[in-house]
Protein backbone atom coordinates (compact mmCIF):
# COMPACT_ATOMS: atom_id res chain seq x y z
CA MET A 1 -12.05 -7.47 -18.93
CA ALA A 2 -10.96 -10.07 -21.45
CA SER A 3 -13.33 -10.75 -24.34
CA TYR A 4 -14.95 -14.15 -24.89
CA SER A 5 -12.59 -14.90 -27.77
CA SER A 6 -9.49 -14.01 -25.75
CA GLN A 7 -10.76 -16.20 -22.90
CA ALA A 8 -11.16 -19.09 -25.35
CA ASN A 9 -7.66 -18.51 -26.70
CA THR A 10 -6.29 -18.45 -23.16
CA ALA A 11 -7.95 -21.75 -22.30
CA ALA A 12 -6.67 -23.31 -25.53
CA THR A 13 -3.10 -22.17 -24.93
CA LEU A 14 -3.10 -23.42 -21.36
CA SER A 15 -4.27 -26.85 -22.45
CA SER A 16 -1.72 -27.37 -25.25
CA GLU A 17 1.47 -29.26 -24.43
CA PRO A 18 2.01 -28.19 -20.83
CA ARG A 19 5.43 -28.73 -19.31
CA PRO A 20 5.57 -32.06 -17.40
CA LEU A 21 5.32 -31.79 -13.62
CA SER A 22 8.29 -32.75 -11.47
CA ASN A 23 7.99 -35.89 -9.34
CA ARG A 24 7.65 -33.72 -6.23
CA LYS A 25 4.80 -31.67 -7.69
CA ARG A 26 3.11 -34.80 -9.05
CA GLU A 27 3.02 -36.12 -5.48
CA PHE A 28 1.50 -32.80 -4.36
CA LEU A 29 -1.14 -33.06 -7.05
CA GLU A 30 -2.05 -36.65 -6.16
CA ARG A 31 -2.38 -35.77 -2.47
CA ILE A 32 -4.47 -32.67 -3.16
CA GLU A 33 -6.89 -34.41 -5.53
CA ALA A 34 -7.23 -37.42 -3.22
CA THR A 35 -8.31 -35.18 -0.33
CA LEU A 36 -10.36 -32.63 -2.28
CA GLU A 37 -13.65 -33.78 -0.78
CA GLU A 38 -12.23 -33.55 2.77
CA GLN A 39 -11.10 -29.94 2.42
CA GLU A 40 -14.55 -28.46 2.97
CA ARG A 41 -14.90 -30.39 6.23
CA TRP A 42 -11.52 -29.17 7.47
CA ARG A 43 -12.40 -25.58 6.56
CA LYS A 44 -15.44 -25.86 8.83
CA ILE A 45 -13.43 -27.42 11.66
CA ASN A 46 -10.82 -24.63 11.44
CA SER A 47 -13.29 -21.89 10.51
CA ALA A 48 -11.75 -19.37 12.94
CA TYR A 49 -8.37 -19.63 11.23
CA TYR A 50 -9.81 -19.30 7.72
CA ALA A 51 -12.11 -16.42 8.71
CA GLU A 52 -9.26 -14.35 10.14
CA ASP A 53 -7.02 -15.10 7.19
CA LEU A 54 -9.75 -14.03 4.79
CA GLN A 55 -10.50 -10.88 6.78
CA TYR A 56 -6.89 -9.74 6.54
CA MET A 57 -6.62 -10.59 2.84
CA ARG A 58 -9.71 -8.44 2.26
CA PHE A 59 -7.99 -5.64 4.18
CA LEU A 60 -4.95 -5.90 1.90
CA ILE A 61 -6.98 -6.22 -1.31
CA PRO A 62 -10.04 -3.94 -1.61
CA PRO A 63 -13.04 -5.17 -3.62
CA GLY A 64 -13.43 -4.20 -7.26
CA LYS A 65 -9.81 -4.85 -8.32
CA ARG A 66 -8.33 -6.98 -11.10
CA VAL A 67 -7.04 -10.03 -9.20
CA LEU A 68 -5.06 -13.09 -10.30
CA GLU A 69 -4.62 -15.97 -7.82
CA LEU A 70 -1.86 -18.48 -8.49
CA GLY A 71 -2.70 -21.79 -6.86
CA CYS A 72 -6.37 -20.93 -6.43
CA GLY A 73 -7.64 -24.37 -5.42
CA ARG A 74 -11.44 -24.37 -5.45
CA GLY A 75 -11.60 -20.58 -5.75
CA GLU A 76 -12.97 -19.62 -2.30
CA LEU A 77 -10.39 -16.90 -1.63
CA LEU A 78 -10.56 -15.38 -5.10
CA ALA A 79 -14.38 -15.17 -4.92
CA ALA A 80 -14.30 -13.67 -1.42
CA LEU A 81 -12.04 -10.83 -2.63
CA GLU A 82 -14.90 -9.67 -4.91
CA PRO A 83 -12.72 -8.74 -7.90
CA SER A 84 -14.02 -6.79 -10.88
CA TYR A 85 -12.05 -9.27 -12.99
CA GLY A 86 -10.84 -12.43 -11.29
CA VAL A 87 -8.63 -15.18 -12.72
CA GLY A 88 -7.51 -18.30 -10.89
CA VAL A 89 -4.85 -20.79 -11.98
CA ASP A 90 -4.21 -24.20 -10.43
CA PHE A 91 -2.56 -27.43 -11.55
CA SER A 92 -5.42 -29.58 -10.23
CA GLN A 93 -8.05 -30.32 -12.85
CA ALA A 94 -10.49 -31.48 -10.16
CA ALA A 95 -10.08 -28.26 -8.19
CA ILE A 96 -10.53 -26.11 -11.30
CA THR A 97 -13.67 -28.02 -12.27
CA ARG A 98 -15.12 -27.42 -8.81
CA ALA A 99 -14.17 -23.73 -8.91
CA ARG A 100 -15.88 -23.20 -12.27
CA GLU A 101 -19.05 -24.83 -10.97
CA ARG A 102 -19.16 -22.72 -7.80
CA PHE A 103 -18.06 -19.35 -9.21
CA PRO A 104 -19.12 -19.04 -12.86
CA ASN A 105 -18.53 -15.26 -12.79
CA LEU A 106 -14.77 -15.83 -12.46
CA GLN A 107 -12.23 -17.36 -14.86
CA PHE A 108 -10.34 -20.50 -13.86
CA HIS A 109 -7.58 -22.19 -15.82
CA GLU A 110 -5.68 -25.40 -15.30
CA GLY A 111 -1.96 -24.83 -15.50
CA ASP A 112 1.38 -25.00 -13.69
CA VAL A 113 2.30 -21.53 -12.42
CA GLU A 114 5.99 -22.42 -12.82
CA ASP A 115 5.51 -23.01 -16.54
CA PRO A 116 6.31 -19.89 -18.64
CA GLN A 117 3.58 -20.94 -21.08
CA THR A 118 0.98 -20.29 -18.36
CA PHE A 119 1.95 -16.63 -18.00
CA ASP A 120 2.16 -16.13 -21.75
CA ALA A 121 -1.51 -17.06 -21.96
CA ILE A 122 -2.88 -14.91 -19.10
CA ASP A 123 -4.54 -11.61 -19.99
CA GLY A 124 -2.87 -9.06 -17.67
CA PRO A 125 -1.93 -6.81 -16.14
CA PHE A 126 -3.59 -7.14 -12.73
CA ASP A 127 -3.97 -4.85 -9.75
CA TYR A 128 -3.14 -7.70 -7.37
CA ILE A 129 -1.50 -11.10 -7.83
CA VAL A 130 -2.09 -13.47 -4.92
CA ILE A 131 -0.02 -16.49 -3.88
CA ALA A 132 -1.70 -17.91 -0.77
CA ASP A 133 0.13 -20.81 0.93
CA THR A 134 1.22 -22.46 -2.34
CA ILE A 135 4.62 -20.79 -2.67
CA GLY A 136 6.17 -23.49 -0.46
CA MET A 137 5.31 -26.03 -3.17
CA PHE A 138 7.30 -24.24 -5.89
CA ASP A 139 10.45 -25.90 -7.20
CA ASP A 140 11.96 -22.58 -8.34
CA ILE A 141 10.58 -19.71 -6.26
CA ASP A 142 12.72 -16.82 -7.54
CA GLY A 143 12.35 -18.03 -11.12
CA THR A 144 8.57 -18.14 -10.79
CA LEU A 145 8.47 -14.69 -9.20
CA GLY A 146 10.47 -13.48 -12.18
CA LEU A 147 7.88 -14.93 -14.55
CA ILE A 148 5.16 -12.95 -12.76
CA GLN A 149 6.79 -9.74 -13.99
CA ARG A 150 5.36 -10.50 -17.43
CA ILE A 151 1.83 -9.69 -16.27
CA CYS A 152 2.69 -6.82 -13.92
CA SER A 153 2.28 -3.11 -14.44
CA PRO A 154 4.25 -0.66 -12.25
CA SER A 155 1.22 -0.41 -9.95
CA THR A 156 0.66 -4.19 -9.61
CA ARG A 157 0.94 -5.52 -6.06
CA LEU A 158 2.03 -9.08 -5.29
CA VAL A 159 0.50 -10.52 -2.07
CA ILE A 160 2.16 -13.63 -0.63
CA SER A 161 0.88 -15.43 2.46
CA TYR A 162 2.60 -18.40 4.07
CA TYR A 163 3.21 -20.25 7.34
CA SER A 164 5.97 -19.21 9.75
CA PRO A 165 8.78 -21.80 10.04
CA LEU A 166 8.42 -21.50 13.83
CA TRP A 167 5.04 -23.21 13.55
CA GLU A 168 6.21 -26.24 11.54
CA PRO A 169 6.46 -28.60 14.55
CA ILE A 170 3.14 -27.32 15.96
CA LEU A 171 1.39 -27.90 12.65
CA LYS A 172 2.86 -31.40 12.41
CA ILE A 173 1.55 -32.21 15.90
CA GLY A 174 -1.84 -30.81 14.84
CA GLU A 175 -1.88 -33.24 11.92
CA MET A 176 -0.97 -36.16 14.20
CA LEU A 177 -3.82 -35.24 16.58
CA ARG A 178 -6.18 -34.76 13.62
CA LEU A 179 -6.76 -31.13 14.50
CA LYS A 180 -5.94 -30.12 10.93
CA SER A 181 -5.70 -31.74 7.53
CA ARG A 182 -2.51 -33.53 6.53
CA GLN A 183 -0.41 -31.50 4.13
CA PRO A 184 2.26 -32.51 1.63
CA LYS A 185 5.80 -31.67 2.68
CA ILE A 186 6.35 -28.04 1.71
CA ASN A 187 9.24 -25.60 2.07
CA TYR A 188 8.91 -23.60 5.30
CA ILE A 189 10.86 -20.51 4.30
CA ALA A 190 12.03 -17.77 6.64
CA THR A 191 11.01 -14.22 5.83
CA SER A 192 14.64 -13.14 5.38
CA ASP A 193 14.99 -15.79 2.68
CA PHE A 194 11.77 -14.61 1.02
CA LEU A 195 13.12 -11.06 0.93
CA ASN A 196 16.25 -12.31 -0.81
CA LEU A 197 14.22 -14.34 -3.33
CA MET A 198 12.05 -11.33 -4.15
CA ASP A 199 15.15 -9.20 -4.58
CA LEU A 200 16.48 -11.73 -7.10
CA ALA A 201 13.19 -11.41 -9.02
CA ASP A 202 13.36 -7.57 -9.08
CA LEU A 203 10.53 -7.21 -6.58
CA GLU A 204 10.63 -5.06 -3.46
CA VAL A 205 8.63 -5.54 -0.27
CA ILE A 206 6.29 -2.70 0.72
CA ARG A 207 4.47 -4.35 3.61
CA HIS A 208 5.45 -7.16 5.96
CA GLU A 209 2.86 -8.31 8.49
CA GLN A 210 2.48 -11.26 10.85
CA ARG A 211 -0.92 -12.39 12.10
CA GLN A 212 -2.72 -15.09 14.14
CA LEU A 213 -1.16 -15.99 17.44
CA LEU A 214 -4.08 -18.24 18.40
CA PRO A 215 -5.87 -19.79 15.38
CA ARG A 216 -8.89 -20.89 17.45
CA ARG A 217 -11.98 -19.09 18.75
CA TRP A 218 -11.83 -20.28 22.35
CA LEU A 219 -15.02 -18.42 23.36
CA GLY A 220 -13.86 -15.24 21.64
CA LEU A 221 -10.43 -15.16 23.27
CA GLY A 222 -8.66 -16.15 20.04
CA PRO A 223 -10.07 -13.31 17.88
CA PHE A 224 -9.37 -10.77 20.66
CA ILE A 225 -5.73 -11.86 21.04
CA ASN A 226 -5.22 -12.02 17.28
CA ARG A 227 -6.63 -8.56 16.75
CA PHE A 228 -5.11 -6.56 19.60
CA ILE A 229 -2.19 -8.55 21.04
CA ALA A 230 -0.68 -10.49 18.14
CA PRO A 231 0.30 -7.39 16.05
CA LEU A 232 2.38 -5.86 18.90
CA PRO A 233 6.17 -5.54 18.38
CA GLY A 234 8.04 -8.65 19.47
CA ILE A 235 4.89 -10.72 19.97
CA ARG A 236 4.10 -10.64 16.26
CA ASN A 237 7.27 -12.62 15.54
CA LEU A 238 5.54 -15.62 17.12
CA CYS A 239 2.50 -15.54 14.82
CA LEU A 240 1.44 -18.34 12.51
CA ARG A 241 0.78 -16.31 9.37
CA THR A 242 3.12 -14.03 7.43
CA TYR A 243 1.98 -11.66 4.69
CA LEU A 244 4.24 -9.87 2.23
CA VAL A 245 3.13 -7.19 -0.21
CA GLY A 246 5.59 -6.39 -2.96
CA ARG A 247 5.82 -4.39 -6.16
CA PRO A 248 7.89 -4.65 -9.35
CA ILE A 249 11.05 -2.57 -9.33
CA ARG A 250 10.65 -0.28 -12.33
CA GLN A 251 12.63 2.86 -13.10
CA PHE A 252 11.47 5.44 -15.64
CA ALA A 253 14.56 7.30 -16.75
CA ASP A 254 12.74 9.25 -19.49
CA ARG A 255 9.32 9.77 -17.88
CA LYS A 256 8.18 13.41 -17.79
CA LEU A 257 5.34 14.35 -15.45
CA SER A 258 3.61 17.66 -14.79
CA ALA A 259 3.11 19.07 -11.28
CA SER A 260 0.33 20.73 -9.28
CA ILE A 261 1.78 22.62 -6.32
CA LEU A 262 -0.77 23.23 -3.56
CA ILE A 263 -0.05 26.04 -1.08
CA PRO A 264 -2.53 26.10 1.84
CA CYS A 265 -2.34 29.51 3.49
CA ARG A 266 -3.91 31.25 6.47
CA ASN A 267 -2.54 34.55 7.82
CA GLU A 268 0.54 34.25 5.57
CA ARG A 269 0.20 37.48 3.60
CA GLY A 270 3.92 38.25 3.68
CA ASN A 271 4.93 34.88 2.21
CA ILE A 272 2.63 34.67 -0.82
CA GLU A 273 4.71 36.54 -3.38
CA SER A 274 7.94 35.05 -2.02
CA ALA A 275 6.57 31.58 -2.77
CA ILE A 276 6.11 32.58 -6.42
CA LYS A 277 9.43 34.38 -6.76
CA ARG A 278 11.33 31.44 -5.31
CA MET A 279 9.43 28.73 -7.18
CA PRO A 280 11.75 26.80 -9.54
CA ARG A 281 10.71 25.49 -12.95
CA PHE A 282 10.47 21.71 -13.17
CA GLY A 283 8.33 18.99 -14.72
CA SER A 284 6.65 19.05 -18.11
CA ALA A 285 4.17 21.67 -16.85
CA GLN A 286 3.31 23.38 -13.56
CA GLU A 287 0.31 24.91 -11.86
CA ILE A 288 0.18 26.61 -8.46
CA ILE A 289 -2.97 26.44 -6.35
CA PHE A 290 -3.42 28.72 -3.35
CA VAL A 291 -6.16 27.57 -0.96
CA GLU A 292 -6.83 30.37 1.54
CA GLY A 293 -8.29 29.60 4.96
CA ASN A 294 -10.34 32.70 5.91
CA SER A 295 -7.41 34.79 7.11
CA SER A 296 -7.66 38.02 9.09
CA ASP A 297 -4.59 39.72 7.54
CA GLY A 298 -5.66 40.02 3.89
CA THR A 299 -4.00 36.82 2.66
CA PHE A 300 -6.82 36.07 0.21
CA GLU A 301 -6.55 39.51 -1.40
CA GLU A 302 -2.77 39.09 -1.63
CA CYS A 303 -3.20 35.72 -3.37
CA GLU A 304 -5.47 37.34 -5.95
CA ARG A 305 -3.02 40.23 -6.46
CA VAL A 306 -0.11 37.85 -7.00
CA ARG A 307 -2.18 35.73 -9.39
CA ASP A 308 -2.98 38.78 -11.51
CA ALA A 309 0.56 40.19 -11.32
CA TYR A 310 2.09 36.93 -12.61
CA ARG A 311 -0.57 36.09 -15.17
CA GLY A 312 1.10 34.66 -18.26
CA VAL A 313 4.21 33.77 -16.26
CA TRP A 314 2.65 31.19 -13.92
CA ASP A 315 -0.59 29.22 -14.03
CA ILE A 316 -2.03 30.28 -10.65
CA THR A 317 -5.43 29.38 -9.17
CA VAL A 318 -6.81 30.97 -5.98
CA LEU A 319 -9.46 29.15 -3.96
CA LYS A 320 -11.10 29.90 -0.61
CA GLN A 321 -11.80 27.16 1.90
CA ASP A 322 -15.34 26.15 2.67
CA GLY A 323 -14.38 24.46 5.94
CA LYS A 324 -11.55 24.74 8.45
CA GLY A 325 -8.12 23.20 8.89
CA LYS A 326 -5.31 22.25 6.56
CA GLY A 327 -6.91 18.88 5.78
CA ASP A 328 -9.93 20.62 4.29
CA ALA A 329 -7.62 22.90 2.27
CA VAL A 330 -5.65 19.94 0.91
CA ARG A 331 -8.79 18.09 -0.16
CA LYS A 332 -10.18 21.17 -1.92
CA GLY A 333 -6.91 21.94 -3.68
CA PHE A 334 -6.23 18.38 -4.80
CA ALA A 335 -9.77 18.06 -6.13
CA ALA A 336 -9.10 21.09 -8.37
CA ALA A 337 -5.63 19.96 -9.50
CA LYS A 338 -5.11 19.05 -13.17
CA GLN A 339 -1.49 17.84 -13.38
CA ASP A 340 0.17 14.43 -12.89
CA VAL A 341 1.97 14.93 -9.55
CA LEU A 342 0.34 16.52 -6.49
CA MET A 343 2.67 18.43 -4.14
CA ILE A 344 2.08 20.36 -0.90
CA LEU A 345 4.17 23.40 0.00
CA ASP A 346 3.44 25.05 3.35
CA ALA A 347 2.98 28.80 2.98
CA ASP A 348 5.37 29.55 5.86
CA LEU A 349 8.20 28.51 3.47
CA THR A 350 10.11 26.74 6.27
CA MET A 351 10.47 24.03 3.60
CA PRO A 352 12.32 25.87 0.81
CA PRO A 353 10.41 25.91 -2.51
CA GLU A 354 13.76 25.39 -4.22
CA ALA A 355 13.76 21.77 -2.92
CA LEU A 356 10.53 20.77 -4.69
CA PRO A 357 12.24 19.43 -7.87
CA LYS A 358 13.98 16.77 -5.78
CA TYR A 359 10.63 15.46 -4.52
CA HIS A 360 9.13 15.55 -7.99
CA ALA A 361 12.08 13.56 -9.37
CA VAL A 362 11.51 10.73 -6.86
CA ILE A 363 7.95 10.25 -8.14
CA GLU A 364 8.87 10.83 -11.78
CA SER A 365 11.61 8.19 -11.71
CA GLY A 366 9.38 5.56 -10.06
CA LYS A 367 11.57 5.20 -6.96
CA ALA A 368 8.49 5.79 -4.81
CA GLU A 369 4.78 6.51 -5.12
CA PHE A 370 4.47 8.68 -2.01
CA VAL A 371 7.15 11.04 -0.71
CA ASN A 372 7.06 12.45 2.82
CA GLY A 373 9.38 15.26 3.84
CA SER A 374 11.43 15.00 7.03
CA ARG A 375 12.70 17.97 8.98
CA LEU A 376 14.62 15.80 11.44
CA ILE A 377 17.57 14.60 9.34
CA TYR A 378 19.61 17.75 8.68
CA PRO A 379 20.47 20.40 11.29
CA MET A 380 17.79 23.09 11.60
CA GLU A 381 18.14 26.82 11.71
CA ASN A 382 17.89 28.32 15.18
CA GLU A 383 14.31 28.39 16.49
CA ALA A 384 13.00 26.51 13.48
CA MET A 385 11.50 23.88 15.85
CA ARG A 386 11.09 24.23 19.60
CA PRO A 387 12.91 21.61 21.74
CA LEU A 388 9.75 20.04 23.18
CA ASN A 389 8.30 19.62 19.67
CA LEU A 390 11.56 18.03 18.52
CA ILE A 391 11.60 15.54 21.41
CA ALA A 392 7.97 14.57 20.79
CA ASN A 393 8.60 14.05 17.07
CA ARG A 394 11.57 11.78 17.81
CA CYS A 395 9.50 9.67 20.22
CA PHE A 396 6.61 9.26 17.81
CA ALA A 397 8.89 8.42 14.89
CA TYR A 398 9.46 4.85 16.06
CA ILE A 399 5.77 4.29 16.77
CA PHE A 400 4.60 5.50 13.36
CA SER A 401 7.33 3.53 11.59
CA TYR A 402 5.94 0.37 13.19
CA LEU A 403 2.32 1.30 12.44
CA THR A 404 2.99 2.06 8.76
CA ASN A 405 5.62 -0.62 8.06
CA THR A 406 8.05 1.97 6.75
CA ARG A 407 10.57 4.40 8.18
CA LEU A 408 8.76 7.62 9.09
CA THR A 409 10.56 10.20 11.17
CA ASP A 410 8.32 13.23 10.71
CA THR A 411 4.63 12.62 10.06
CA LEU A 412 3.70 16.28 10.58
CA CYS A 413 6.07 17.65 7.95
CA GLY A 414 3.82 19.52 5.53
CA THR A 415 5.65 18.40 2.37
CA LYS A 416 3.91 15.41 0.82
CA VAL A 417 3.96 14.32 -2.83
CA LEU A 418 2.08 11.63 -4.76
CA LEU A 419 0.62 10.89 -8.18
CA ARG A 420 -2.82 12.33 -8.83
CA LYS A 421 -4.12 8.96 -10.03
CA ASP A 422 -3.10 7.40 -6.70
CA TYR A 423 -4.71 10.24 -4.76
CA GLU A 424 -7.96 9.71 -6.66
CA VAL A 425 -8.01 6.06 -5.53
CA LEU A 426 -7.18 7.18 -2.00
CA ALA A 427 -10.06 9.65 -2.07
CA ARG A 428 -12.52 7.04 -3.37
CA GLU A 429 -11.54 4.63 -0.59
CA ARG A 430 -11.40 7.29 2.15
CA SER A 431 -14.53 5.86 3.77
CA TYR A 432 -12.36 3.18 5.45
CA PHE A 433 -10.80 5.84 7.66
CA GLY A 434 -13.50 8.51 7.50
CA ASN A 435 -13.00 12.25 7.98
CA PHE A 436 -10.74 11.95 11.01
CA ASP A 437 -7.80 14.28 10.37
CA PRO A 438 -8.10 18.09 10.44
CA PHE A 439 -4.39 18.50 9.58
CA GLY A 440 -4.42 16.35 6.43
CA ASP A 441 -1.05 14.67 7.09
CA PHE A 442 -2.39 11.39 8.44
CA ASP A 443 -5.22 11.23 5.94
CA LEU A 444 -2.61 11.02 3.19
CA ILE A 445 -0.09 8.81 5.00
CA PHE A 446 -2.59 6.24 6.24
CA GLY A 447 -4.38 6.25 2.89
CA ALA A 448 -1.11 5.58 1.09
CA VAL A 449 -0.29 2.73 3.49
CA LYS A 450 -3.75 1.17 3.05
CA GLN A 451 -3.30 1.45 -0.72
CA ASN A 452 0.10 -0.31 -0.47
CA LEU A 453 1.98 2.58 -2.07
CA LYS A 454 5.76 2.67 -1.87
CA LEU A 455 6.66 5.37 0.69
CA ILE A 456 9.99 7.16 0.90
CA GLU A 457 11.07 9.98 3.22
CA THR A 458 13.20 12.74 1.74
CA PRO A 459 15.05 15.12 4.06
CA ILE A 460 14.63 18.89 3.89
CA HIS A 461 16.67 21.73 5.33
CA TYR A 462 14.11 23.15 7.74
CA LYS A 463 14.30 26.95 7.93
CA ALA A 464 13.10 29.44 10.50
CA ARG A 465 10.14 31.65 9.63
CA THR A 466 10.83 35.04 8.08
CA PHE A 467 7.22 36.27 8.35
CA GLY A 468 4.31 35.65 10.72
CA GLU A 469 3.94 33.26 13.64
CA THR A 470 3.70 29.50 13.80
CA GLN A 471 0.20 28.05 13.84
CA ILE A 472 1.40 24.88 15.56
CA SER A 473 0.57 24.19 19.20
CA ARG A 474 2.85 21.70 20.93
CA PHE A 475 0.09 20.49 23.26
CA ARG A 476 -2.62 20.37 20.61
CA ASP A 477 -0.34 18.59 18.17
CA GLY A 478 0.96 16.24 20.87
CA TRP A 479 -2.63 15.25 21.65
CA LEU A 480 -3.26 14.83 17.93
CA LEU A 481 -0.28 12.47 17.63
CA LEU A 482 -1.53 10.38 20.55
CA LYS A 483 -4.97 10.12 18.97
CA MET A 484 -3.44 9.18 15.63
CA VAL A 485 -1.39 6.39 17.24
CA VAL A 486 -4.54 4.80 18.67
CA PHE A 487 -6.48 5.41 15.46
CA ALA A 488 -3.74 3.91 13.26
CA TYR A 489 -3.42 0.84 15.50
CA ARG A 490 -7.16 0.15 15.20
CA LYS A 491 -7.30 0.74 11.45
CA LEU A 492 -3.94 -0.62 10.27
CA LYS A 493 -2.97 -3.27 12.82
CA ALA A 494 -6.00 -4.45 14.82
CA VAL A 495 -7.95 -5.56 11.75
């Protein structure tokens, strides 16, 4: 958090020789300040709309983060997000004065967010930067988004909310009927245009959501429709609110990260030494963690033998599960990991260990923050996946792509890679989903989506087993996928 002296310096800088406002923005300012006292009354009249908007913003931005809001008004949204360090900026002196009176625990500064001087004075970086409804007032949207880069770290997330252009005539009628407050004339911008503007500013979109089909309570019908019906494919295109979550595009050509390779294993005795022999060298350092799941074929003893045989050649740790299932093994192994990048390699070696450097490089370069393997891109070896399993995976691919806002073709592929620091946040915030996933795949995927990580799928050449039998049941796993669809809809869409 900024010190008192730095806060004073920030306030002084913001108040010295600000860039003059354009005529258009001066008209906005006059309208906003003239109606400042009315805004509280309109918030009460349209409380259902504001409550649902706030609920979704709190879903996107967990409490306890460093948050900057550009165009903060009287500070209600910023305060409701419960930041550990919250800063609001607005060009209305009256609004800033009111915000400081109501929320003395937060910092508020008067300034034009399109003035470079404003960003020079702000003490960043932030976990989240919020632009709620004000982006349509900007004179130079892509230029302002470019200025935001100055106070972004690679992990900063930009959250933009705005009205759909489809609703412009409806909102105008609402103003005429005095069902909502009159607004200055803003730019109603289509999402495709926003995507282009963010691309110009070297920002990429991670999440795109549309919410609120009926911004009224109507005896509980509005909240029900907005929660369960409005997010459905096709219908969501008609919604009032659009939310974009983006991140800075940063590449790290010279970054060197170490790797922890987790190998969950149960009844895989014949594959343990092969995993070590075939393991390539990559990253600044490597450790291999076997987590054994109470096998009946001597797998645990084989893990210990291999550890001792390769002592001094590889850094190998052998752990035994306390619980059951791959999810439990992943959580135990990741908790013990010491290196920068966490990687999962299934002990059946159907995903070749030789491919791991490619996954590590995606994280190391900054192209993504979560990498999921896909067995469904390249041709498979004979009998690598049974036809019914393949058909089911294809069918679920579209559903999970919609639920997670990213292309996912193979959620059950065991190969998953992410930064340890991101996993630690995921683990701390796991209570949102709970302990729901015995396989561990969805725990990581849904956690990464909730955390707004950049996900990328990387194809693998899926091989047939050379030892042992598959531990996958098509009917059990099919039922699991159905349960995960319903679970993900409730937790990621119907919020």
